[in-house]
Every structure is written in C-alpha cells, then in structure tokens.
Amino acid sequence: HLLERMAFKSTLNRSHLRLVREIEAFGGHSSASASREQMGYTIDALKTYVPEMAEVLVDSVRNPAFLDWEVNEELRKVKEEIGELSNNPMGFLLEAVHSAGYSGALASPLYAPESAITGLTGDVLEQFVSENYTAPRMVLAASGVEHEELLKVVEPLLSDLPNVTRPAEPKSEYVGGDFRQHT
C-alpha cells in the first residue's frame, strides 16, 4: 500500500515536480494500484508519446529515490487510512474474510498493521524493490501500440534489468475458516 502511494514520486533522475510536469506536458495521466499479489503502475496518454511514456514509467518503477520526507509524508497518510479502516465495516470484513479464508498472499492484509508501518523507511522500500522488481516478476503491457514498436522503445530501457531465477512463491489457496471478534 505504501508503494502505491510512493509511485511517481521523486526518482534518482527526476524530482516529483519534474516528473508530474513531464507527464502533463504530453497530456498523460499516471496512477498506481496495489493488491495483495501485485503492484501496477500506469501511464495513459496518446500513442504518439509512447517513447516519453515508457521512459518516465520505467524511471519511476526502477529508480525511485524514496526521499525521507516523501516517505514520511506518505506514511502519515497511510496511518490515517488505517485509522479510517477501523470505522469501515465493509473494509474490515473484507480483510477478515481474506485472512480467514486463504493461505499465501491472499491471506495478507491489504493495509499493513500500524505496528509494521513504524519500521518502514526508504531503505526498506528500496531493498524490497531491488529484490522483487526483477525481470521474471515484471510485465510491461501497452494498449493500442504495435508490439515491435513497443519493444524498440523499451528494450534499451530494460536491458539491464536483473534476470534472476524467480523465487518459489507460496500459492494462494482457499482454505476456509472463520473469523470471530467480540465487541
């Protein structure tokens, strides 16, 4: 969830302001989404800007700076969202159903407990990205762009991506169960 909030912030090559202005200059829109099993980064714009979009997207995903002040600002917002979750019965129920009914990544909470958030730093995020954002675990997709054109643009940007062996990942399975909380 914190990675979603840190998406399209400062990179090692661009400030957050510069990144936003570049995306706006070609009429683009950026977004990110986090789920229990994957992280998605998206830039939408006209197809004539594929090279610019691809370069900004790859820079944002591969080179996040995780500046302390940006991380701390987003951590504050994440803590507020976690506090609001306790007042959201449907959100609480969805978290409980996943933790009781599944094993593997689907059992993990979408929102980390506040005790886990206090240990998150830019260094922790950087280590997670370097360990998990590897060639076997990434997909780059485009809509409305010829495959060969996309390859011509992104191969130079991704050619040095670590091609490590994909680690074994626990399979998410429905295991059933119940969740009880007395109030």
Protein backbone atom coordinates (compact mmCIF):
# COMPACT_ATOMS: atom_id res chain seq x y z
CA HIS A 1 0.00 0.00 0.00
CA LEU A 2 2.88 2.37 0.75
CA LEU A 3 4.48 1.52 -2.60
CA GLU A 4 1.24 2.57 -4.29
CA ARG A 5 1.41 5.93 -2.54
CA MET A 6 5.12 6.31 -3.42
CA ALA A 7 4.52 5.69 -7.12
CA PHE A 8 5.54 8.53 -9.43
CA LYS A 9 7.31 10.44 -6.65
CA SER A 10 10.93 11.58 -6.98
CA THR A 11 13.31 9.27 -8.81
CA LEU A 12 17.09 9.21 -8.97
CA ASN A 13 16.75 11.17 -12.24
CA ARG A 14 13.77 13.48 -11.64
CA SER A 15 12.12 15.42 -8.88
CA HIS A 16 8.46 14.68 -8.25
CA LEU A 17 7.55 18.09 -9.70
CA ARG A 18 9.56 17.48 -12.88
CA LEU A 19 8.02 14.03 -13.29
CA VAL A 20 4.48 15.39 -12.94
CA ARG A 21 5.20 18.24 -15.36
CA GLU A 22 6.67 15.87 -17.97
CA ILE A 23 3.62 13.61 -17.80
CA GLU A 24 1.29 16.62 -18.04
CA ALA A 25 3.30 18.04 -20.97
CA PHE A 26 2.31 15.09 -23.15
CA GLY A 27 -1.26 15.07 -21.82
CA GLY A 28 -0.69 11.98 -19.74
CA HIS A 29 -2.16 10.68 -16.54
CA SER A 30 -0.31 8.43 -14.10
CA SER A 31 -1.72 6.08 -11.49
CA ALA A 32 -0.74 3.11 -9.40
CA SER A 33 -2.70 0.31 -7.78
CA ALA A 34 -1.75 -2.21 -5.15
CA SER A 35 -3.39 -5.52 -4.43
CA ARG A 36 -2.45 -8.44 -2.23
CA GLU A 37 -0.46 -10.11 -5.00
CA GLN A 38 0.67 -7.40 -7.39
CA MET A 39 1.56 -3.78 -7.92
CA GLY A 40 0.52 -1.90 -11.05
CA TYR A 41 1.91 1.34 -12.49
CA THR A 42 0.04 3.02 -15.35
CA ILE A 43 0.52 5.99 -17.63
CA ASP A 44 -2.25 6.90 -20.07
CA ALA A 45 -1.59 9.24 -22.99
CA LEU A 46 -1.81 9.44 -26.75
CA LYS A 47 0.12 6.75 -28.59
CA THR A 48 2.39 9.32 -30.25
CA TYR A 49 4.05 9.75 -26.84
CA VAL A 50 4.99 6.08 -26.29
CA PRO A 51 8.75 6.79 -26.04
CA GLU A 52 8.21 9.53 -23.45
CA MET A 53 5.64 7.50 -21.52
CA ALA A 54 7.83 4.41 -21.46
CA GLU A 55 10.90 6.30 -20.28
CA VAL A 56 9.02 8.05 -17.46
CA LEU A 57 7.27 4.83 -16.44
CA VAL A 58 10.47 2.78 -16.36
CA ASP A 59 12.31 5.52 -14.47
CA SER A 60 9.50 5.71 -11.90
CA VAL A 61 9.39 1.96 -11.35
CA ARG A 62 13.11 1.18 -11.48
CA ASN A 63 14.69 4.28 -9.93
CA PRO A 64 12.54 5.55 -7.07
CA ALA A 65 14.53 7.84 -4.77
CA PHE A 66 12.41 7.16 -1.67
CA LEU A 67 13.34 10.53 -0.20
CA ASP A 68 12.85 10.56 3.57
CA TRP A 69 10.45 13.50 3.54
CA GLU A 70 8.30 11.93 0.79
CA VAL A 71 8.23 8.56 2.58
CA ASN A 72 7.34 10.19 5.92
CA GLU A 73 4.56 12.25 4.32
CA GLU A 74 3.03 9.15 2.72
CA LEU A 75 3.46 7.10 5.91
CA ARG A 76 1.43 9.73 7.76
CA LYS A 77 -1.33 9.39 5.15
CA VAL A 78 -1.20 5.58 5.31
CA LYS A 79 -1.59 5.69 9.10
CA GLU A 80 -4.65 7.92 8.68
CA GLU A 81 -6.13 5.47 6.17
CA ILE A 82 -5.53 2.57 8.54
CA GLY A 83 -7.31 4.52 11.28
CA GLU A 84 -10.25 5.13 8.94
CA LEU A 85 -10.40 1.42 8.10
CA SER A 86 -11.48 0.64 11.66
CA ASN A 87 -14.57 2.80 11.02
CA ASN A 88 -15.35 0.99 7.75
CA PRO A 89 -17.23 -2.26 8.48
CA MET A 90 -17.06 -3.46 4.85
CA GLY A 91 -13.31 -2.88 4.63
CA PHE A 92 -12.79 -4.61 7.97
CA LEU A 93 -14.97 -7.54 6.84
CA LEU A 94 -13.08 -7.93 3.57
CA GLU A 95 -9.75 -8.05 5.43
CA ALA A 96 -11.16 -10.63 7.88
CA VAL A 97 -12.55 -12.84 5.09
CA HIS A 98 -9.18 -12.89 3.31
CA SER A 99 -7.19 -13.67 6.45
CA ALA A 100 -9.55 -16.47 7.49
CA GLY A 101 -10.29 -17.96 4.08
CA TYR A 102 -6.97 -18.01 2.24
CA SER A 103 -3.36 -19.04 2.58
CA GLY A 104 -0.45 -17.37 0.78
CA ALA A 105 -0.52 -13.80 -0.46
CA LEU A 106 -4.32 -13.60 -0.49
CA ALA A 107 -4.28 -14.03 3.30
CA SER A 108 -2.05 -10.99 3.72
CA PRO A 109 -3.70 -7.73 4.69
CA LEU A 110 -4.01 -5.07 2.04
CA TYR A 111 -3.28 -2.49 4.72
CA ALA A 112 -0.33 -3.34 6.96
CA PRO A 113 -0.93 -3.21 10.70
CA GLU A 114 0.26 0.04 12.26
CA SER A 115 2.96 -1.86 14.16
CA ALA A 116 4.53 -2.90 10.83
CA ILE A 117 4.32 0.61 9.39
CA THR A 118 6.56 2.14 12.04
CA GLY A 119 9.53 0.13 10.71
CA LEU A 120 9.10 1.24 7.11
CA THR A 121 11.78 3.55 5.73
CA GLY A 122 13.12 4.49 2.34
CA ASP A 123 15.86 1.90 2.81
CA VAL A 124 13.31 -0.86 3.48
CA LEU A 125 11.32 0.13 0.38
CA GLU A 126 14.49 0.29 -1.71
CA GLN A 127 15.50 -3.21 -0.61
CA PHE A 128 12.02 -4.57 -1.38
CA VAL A 129 12.07 -3.05 -4.87
CA SER A 130 15.56 -4.35 -5.64
CA GLU A 131 14.63 -7.87 -4.51
CA ASN A 132 11.21 -8.06 -6.13
CA TYR A 133 11.22 -5.84 -9.21
CA THR A 134 13.18 -8.29 -11.34
CA ALA A 135 12.70 -9.47 -14.92
CA PRO A 136 10.84 -12.72 -14.11
CA ARG A 137 8.37 -10.83 -11.92
CA MET A 138 7.55 -7.90 -14.20
CA VAL A 139 5.18 -7.39 -17.09
CA LEU A 140 5.13 -4.35 -19.34
CA ALA A 141 1.96 -4.02 -21.38
CA ALA A 142 0.59 -1.40 -23.74
CA SER A 143 -2.72 -0.92 -25.47
CA GLY A 144 -3.02 0.49 -28.97
CA VAL A 145 0.71 0.19 -29.67
CA GLU A 146 2.31 -2.21 -32.13
CA HIS A 147 4.36 -4.86 -30.33
CA GLU A 148 7.52 -4.25 -32.37
CA GLU A 149 7.29 -0.50 -31.78
CA LEU A 150 6.95 -1.06 -28.04
CA LEU A 151 9.93 -3.45 -27.99
CA LYS A 152 12.07 -0.94 -29.86
CA VAL A 153 11.32 1.67 -27.20
CA VAL A 154 11.52 -0.41 -24.01
CA GLU A 155 14.29 -2.93 -24.68
CA PRO A 156 17.07 -0.33 -24.21
CA LEU A 157 15.36 0.85 -21.00
CA LEU A 158 15.05 -2.64 -19.54
CA SER A 159 18.08 -4.48 -20.95
CA ASP A 160 19.99 -4.25 -17.66
CA LEU A 161 17.09 -5.50 -15.53
CA PRO A 162 18.31 -8.34 -13.30
CA ASN A 163 17.27 -11.66 -14.84
CA VAL A 164 17.41 -13.72 -11.69
CA THR A 165 15.72 -17.05 -11.07
CA ARG A 166 12.18 -16.47 -9.99
CA PRO A 167 11.88 -17.46 -6.33
CA ALA A 168 9.32 -20.01 -5.28
CA GLU A 169 6.18 -18.23 -4.22
CA PRO A 170 3.58 -19.74 -1.93
CA LYS A 171 0.44 -20.49 -3.86
CA SER A 172 -2.66 -18.74 -2.61
CA GLU A 173 -5.34 -21.28 -1.88
CA TYR A 174 -8.79 -21.14 -0.42
CA VAL A 175 -8.55 -22.97 2.90
CA GLY A 176 -11.81 -21.95 4.52
CA GLY A 177 -12.07 -20.86 8.10
CA ASP A 178 -13.84 -18.42 10.31
CA PHE A 179 -13.12 -15.13 11.95
CA ARG A 180 -14.67 -14.04 15.21
CA GLN A 181 -14.32 -10.78 17.00
CA HIS A 182 -16.22 -9.91 20.10
CA THR A 183 -17.06 -6.29 20.61
